[in-house]
C-alpha atoms as a PDB file:
ATOM      1  CA  UNK A   1     -12.267  -6.628   4.083  1.00  0.00           C
ATOM      2  CA  UNK A   2     -14.524  -5.207   1.430  1.00  0.00           C
ATOM      3  CA  UNK A   3     -14.216  -5.970  -2.261  1.00  0.00           C
ATOM      4  CA  UNK A   4     -15.286  -3.412  -4.834  1.00  0.00           C
ATOM      5  CA  UNK A   5     -15.565  -3.434  -8.593  1.00  0.00           C
ATOM      6  CA  UNK A   6     -14.980  -0.517 -10.910  1.00  0.00           C
ATOM      7  CA  UNK A   7     -17.352  -0.320 -13.806  1.00  0.00           C
ATOM      8  CA  UNK A   8     -16.647   1.641 -16.986  1.00  0.00           C
ATOM      9  CA  UNK A   9     -15.260   5.053 -16.100  1.00  0.00           C
ATOM     10  CA  UNK A  10     -14.332   6.213 -19.595  1.00  0.00           C
ATOM     11  CA  UNK A  11     -16.718   9.182 -19.354  1.00  0.00           C
ATOM     12  CA  UNK A  12     -14.738  10.588 -16.413  1.00  0.00           C
ATOM     13  CA  UNK A  13     -11.573  12.644 -16.412  1.00  0.00           C
ATOM     14  CA  UNK A  14      -9.071  10.203 -14.888  1.00  0.00           C
ATOM     15  CA  UNK A  15      -5.352  10.909 -14.653  1.00  0.00           C
ATOM     16  CA  UNK A  16      -3.396   7.663 -14.876  1.00  0.00           C
ATOM     17  CA  UNK A  17       0.278   7.507 -13.976  1.00  0.00           C
ATOM     18  CA  UNK A  18       1.611   4.161 -15.144  1.00  0.00           C
ATOM     19  CA  UNK A  19       5.181   4.969 -14.127  1.00  0.00           C
ATOM     20  CA  UNK A  20       7.047   7.202 -11.730  1.00  0.00           C
ATOM     21  CA  UNK A  21       8.221   9.511 -14.501  1.00  0.00           C
ATOM     22  CA  UNK A  22       8.821  13.246 -14.955  1.00  0.00           C
ATOM     23  CA  UNK A  23       5.115  14.026 -15.187  1.00  0.00           C
ATOM     24  CA  UNK A  24       4.359  11.981 -12.044  1.00  0.00           C
ATOM     25  CA  UNK A  25       7.197  13.678 -10.150  1.00  0.00           C
ATOM     26  CA  UNK A  26       5.967  17.154 -11.065  1.00  0.00           C
ATOM     27  CA  UNK A  27       2.419  16.225 -10.043  1.00  0.00           C
ATOM     28  CA  UNK A  28       3.650  14.992  -6.641  1.00  0.00           C
ATOM     29  CA  UNK A  29       5.784  18.098  -6.130  1.00  0.00           C
ATOM     30  CA  UNK A  30       2.898  20.387  -7.094  1.00  0.00           C
ATOM     31  CA  UNK A  31       0.570  18.619  -4.658  1.00  0.00           C
ATOM     32  CA  UNK A  32       3.161  18.725  -1.858  1.00  0.00           C
ATOM     33  CA  UNK A  33       3.597  22.449  -2.513  1.00  0.00           C
ATOM     34  CA  UNK A  34      -0.117  23.018  -1.972  1.00  0.00           C
ATOM     35  CA  UNK A  35      -1.165  23.392  -5.591  1.00  0.00           C
ATOM     36  CA  UNK A  36      -4.573  21.940  -6.365  1.00  0.00           C
ATOM     37  CA  UNK A  37      -3.607  20.305  -9.685  1.00  0.00           C
ATOM     38  CA  UNK A  38      -5.586  17.215  -8.671  1.00  0.00           C
ATOM     39  CA  UNK A  39      -8.851  19.183  -8.830  1.00  0.00           C
ATOM     40  CA  UNK A  40      -8.801  18.927 -12.627  1.00  0.00           C
ATOM     41  CA  UNK A  41      -9.625  15.217 -12.374  1.00  0.00           C
ATOM     42  CA  UNK A  42     -12.389  12.914 -11.159  1.00  0.00           C
ATOM     43  CA  UNK A  43      -9.738  10.389 -10.097  1.00  0.00           C
ATOM     44  CA  UNK A  44      -5.981   9.989 -10.013  1.00  0.00           C
ATOM     45  CA  UNK A  45      -4.419   6.536 -10.312  1.00  0.00           C
ATOM     46  CA  UNK A  46      -0.757   5.730  -9.888  1.00  0.00           C
ATOM     47  CA  UNK A  47       2.251   5.232  -7.663  1.00  0.00           C
ATOM     48  CA  UNK A  48       2.026   6.390  -4.075  1.00  0.00           C
ATOM     49  CA  UNK A  49       4.679   8.780  -2.800  1.00  0.00           C
ATOM     50  CA  UNK A  50       4.926   6.951   0.530  1.00  0.00           C
ATOM     51  CA  UNK A  51       7.503   7.787   3.216  1.00  0.00           C
ATOM     52  CA  UNK A  52      10.351   5.953   1.470  1.00  0.00           C
ATOM     53  CA  UNK A  53       9.632   7.411  -1.957  1.00  0.00           C
ATOM     54  CA  UNK A  54       9.073  10.851  -0.512  1.00  0.00           C
ATOM     55  CA  UNK A  55      12.618  10.893   0.871  1.00  0.00           C
ATOM     56  CA  UNK A  56      13.761  10.958  -2.753  1.00  0.00           C
ATOM     57  CA  UNK A  57      11.142  13.525  -3.740  1.00  0.00           C
ATOM     58  CA  UNK A  58      12.212  15.685  -0.812  1.00  0.00           C
ATOM     59  CA  UNK A  59      15.840  15.619  -1.999  1.00  0.00           C
ATOM     60  CA  UNK A  60      14.562  16.815  -5.381  1.00  0.00           C
ATOM     61  CA  UNK A  61      12.365  19.510  -3.867  1.00  0.00           C
ATOM     62  CA  UNK A  62      15.290  20.752  -1.762  1.00  0.00           C
ATOM     63  CA  UNK A  63      17.432  21.052  -4.891  1.00  0.00           C
ATOM     64  CA  UNK A  64      19.903  18.403  -3.764  1.00  0.00           C
ATOM     65  CA  UNK A  65      19.071  15.963  -6.564  1.00  0.00           C
ATOM     66  CA  UNK A  66      18.066  16.620 -10.133  1.00  0.00           C
ATOM     67  CA  UNK A  67      15.095  14.934 -11.788  1.00  0.00           C
ATOM     68  CA  UNK A  68      17.169  12.165 -13.355  1.00  0.00           C
ATOM     69  CA  UNK A  69      18.788  11.184 -10.038  1.00  0.00           C
ATOM     70  CA  UNK A  70      15.460  11.318  -8.215  1.00  0.00           C
ATOM     71  CA  UNK A  71      13.657   9.071 -10.683  1.00  0.00           C
ATOM     72  CA  UNK A  72      16.637   6.722 -10.759  1.00  0.00           C
ATOM     73  CA  UNK A  73      16.562   6.319  -6.973  1.00  0.00           C
ATOM     74  CA  UNK A  74      12.782   5.880  -6.818  1.00  0.00           C
ATOM     75  CA  UNK A  75      12.922   2.831  -9.058  1.00  0.00           C
ATOM     76  CA  UNK A  76      14.524   0.825  -6.207  1.00  0.00           C
ATOM     77  CA  UNK A  77      11.543   1.217  -3.900  1.00  0.00           C
ATOM     78  CA  UNK A  78       8.571  -1.099  -3.837  1.00  0.00           C
ATOM     79  CA  UNK A  79       5.753   0.422  -5.842  1.00  0.00           C
ATOM     80  CA  UNK A  80       2.317   0.733  -4.329  1.00  0.00           C
ATOM     81  CA  UNK A  81      -0.545   2.030  -6.416  1.00  0.00           C
ATOM     82  CA  UNK A  82      -3.498   3.979  -5.221  1.00  0.00           C
ATOM     83  CA  UNK A  83      -6.734   5.247  -6.643  1.00  0.00           C
ATOM     84  CA  UNK A  84      -7.872   8.612  -5.372  1.00  0.00           C
ATOM     85  CA  UNK A  85     -11.503   9.318  -6.223  1.00  0.00           C
ATOM     86  CA  UNK A  86     -12.031  13.055  -6.317  1.00  0.00           C
ATOM     87  CA  UNK A  87     -15.636  13.435  -7.420  1.00  0.00           C
ATOM     88  CA  UNK A  88     -18.681  12.129  -5.627  1.00  0.00           C
ATOM     89  CA  UNK A  89     -20.356  11.350  -8.937  1.00  0.00           C
ATOM     90  CA  UNK A  90     -17.581   8.960  -9.867  1.00  0.00           C
ATOM     91  CA  UNK A  91     -17.792   7.230  -6.485  1.00  0.00           C
ATOM     92  CA  UNK A  92     -21.562   6.906  -6.763  1.00  0.00           C
ATOM     93  CA  UNK A  93     -21.612   5.651 -10.338  1.00  0.00           C
ATOM     94  CA  UNK A  94     -18.366   3.693 -10.813  1.00  0.00           C
ATOM     95  CA  UNK A  95     -17.409   2.057  -7.503  1.00  0.00           C
ATOM     96  CA  UNK A  96     -19.666  -0.901  -6.778  1.00  0.00           C
ATOM     97  CA  UNK A  97     -19.588  -3.022  -3.626  1.00  0.00           C
ATOM     98  CA  UNK A  98     -19.172  -6.738  -4.399  1.00  0.00           C
ATOM     99  CA  UNK A  99     -18.710  -8.561  -1.088  1.00  0.00           C
ATOM    100  CA  UNK A 100     -17.215  -8.460   2.357  1.00  0.00           C
ATOM    101  CA  UNK A 101     -15.171 -11.039   4.239  1.00  0.00           C
ATOM    102  CA  UNK A 102     -13.258 -11.275   7.507  1.00  0.00           C
ATOM    103  CA  UNK A 103      -9.489 -11.171   7.472  1.00  0.00           C
ATOM    104  CA  UNK A 104      -7.807 -12.967  10.349  1.00  0.00           C
ATOM    105  CA  UNK A 105      -4.623 -11.423  11.812  1.00  0.00           C
END
């Protein structure tokens, strides 16, 4: 396993989703519909719409659930965060390798 450190990235355009809220839901829906809304940012940080969460998002996208119901259901799922680096400059200048170690199964 590799360990990395993020140094100051305040000069970059980073979209941070701290919660699965209305703005997060719309961002996920836009991305799933093929819109390139993520291209406005150097990185996007927040909850992952994994398979379990996406079942809820799919119900919303299909018009079966409204936003309130969708966000209410999502809160029951385990949250996993991700960092998506979208610009090479940010990767080169902000993500620094610290160390590597073996993980035994």
